[in-house]
Amino acid sequence: MKRIAFYGSSLLSSYWNGAATYYRGLLRDLAGRGYHVTFYEPDAFERQSHRDIDPPDWAQVRVYPATHEAMRAVVAEAAEADIVVKASGVGVFDDELLEGVTAAARPEAIRIFWDVDAPATLAEMRGNPGHALHRAMPDLDLVLTYGGGPPVVSAYEGFGARACIPVYNALDPETHHPVPPDPRFTADLAFLGNRLPDREERVQTFFLVAAARLPERTFLLGGSGWESRGLPVNVRHLGHVSTRDHNAFNVSPLAVLNIARESMAAVGYSPATRVFEAAGAGGCLITDAWVGLDLFLKEGEEVLVARDGRDVAEHVAALTPERARAIGEAARRRILSEHTYARRGAQVDAIFRDEASRKRESRQTERSVA
């Protein structure tokens, strides 16, 4: 039970791919536990021309052309794995990949759907009785999610999942850690996130409103897609920020802002990668409010919480460098203690082992009955 075939968006590029850090942290830890990981990613969405890591020594990465022929070829390789994972949001042939790898996997292999955007997936399933996941669910052993907590678990179980287990985002301290401030990212408040329909209104509410209320302060906006958006004069837009610059982006401003997408905030229990990256670097984090935050950080001591742009502006106006540093250091201690990818990797390893044992016992029972 050591060979993992993982079909996801991209391991090599974080370009329009927020799950990259999550994949890297978890799979590197699992490789350290003796798993052989093969990650299959399509050559799509210009990600290969925006790689921010080289192919790692802890995973074999198979980049395949975004064609039906190439997709069918990599699907067939699922038959060689002990654990077959189809992640959500690959973006190319998602339904065909799910159905293909589920069918190709050996009977004794563990079949997993790993949802990195559960609110979106569940909304699609509610609106489409013919969704591919409805058809695949009876053949899946597990659904894992990177957020969502009890609401998502209940929803997936309602759709027939044998088991749904959240495996939250976390910190890889080797990748995200304190660094010296970088003048490129100097500001009173910085926000990093691509422009998405599910996020734009909340960026207006929490970030741009705060900037308008504090015209004498400086604000920094990182992420793709904002080029055509009108911005207050005190907001500087950077465009895409490579993961190699995230540490400096998080420690150079007085504070950094996390804004959950609307669907994630509504479900709760969905800390974004940015939360752990900022805490790992020791940055002072201001976040929008969502249910379940206290599982990860304590309001007022390890994180500042805002209900709207007025709250954000008040936090920024009142924040001193000394308090910002104290909050960032407290957050880093908490995350290092409780929320690293080493802990998540141990969790996933235990999940894999338990599921392998369950399947062995089930097969033995079937043979004895026969």
Foldseek 3Di string as FASTA:
>chain_A
DAEEEEEAQDCFFCAVNQCNVVCVQQQLLSLVVPHAAEYEAECDPCRVVHGPDDPDPSYHYHYFYLDPVRLLVSLLCLCVGQEYEYEPDNPGCSLVSLVSNLVNHDLLHAYEYEYAPQLVVLVVVVVDVPDSCLVCQVSHQEYEYQFQPPVSQVSVVVSPHPGYYYLHAAADLVQFAADDADVVQEFLEEEEDADDPQFVVQCCWAPQLLCVVCVVTAYEYEEADCPPPDGPPRYDYDYHDRSNCLLNNLARHLAYEDEDGNSDQVSFGHDRNNLNSNLRNLFAYEYEDHPPCVVQADDPQQHDYDPTNVSNNVCSVPDDSVSRNRNSPVSNVRRVVPGGSNVSNVVVVVVNVVSSVVSVVVVVVVVVVD
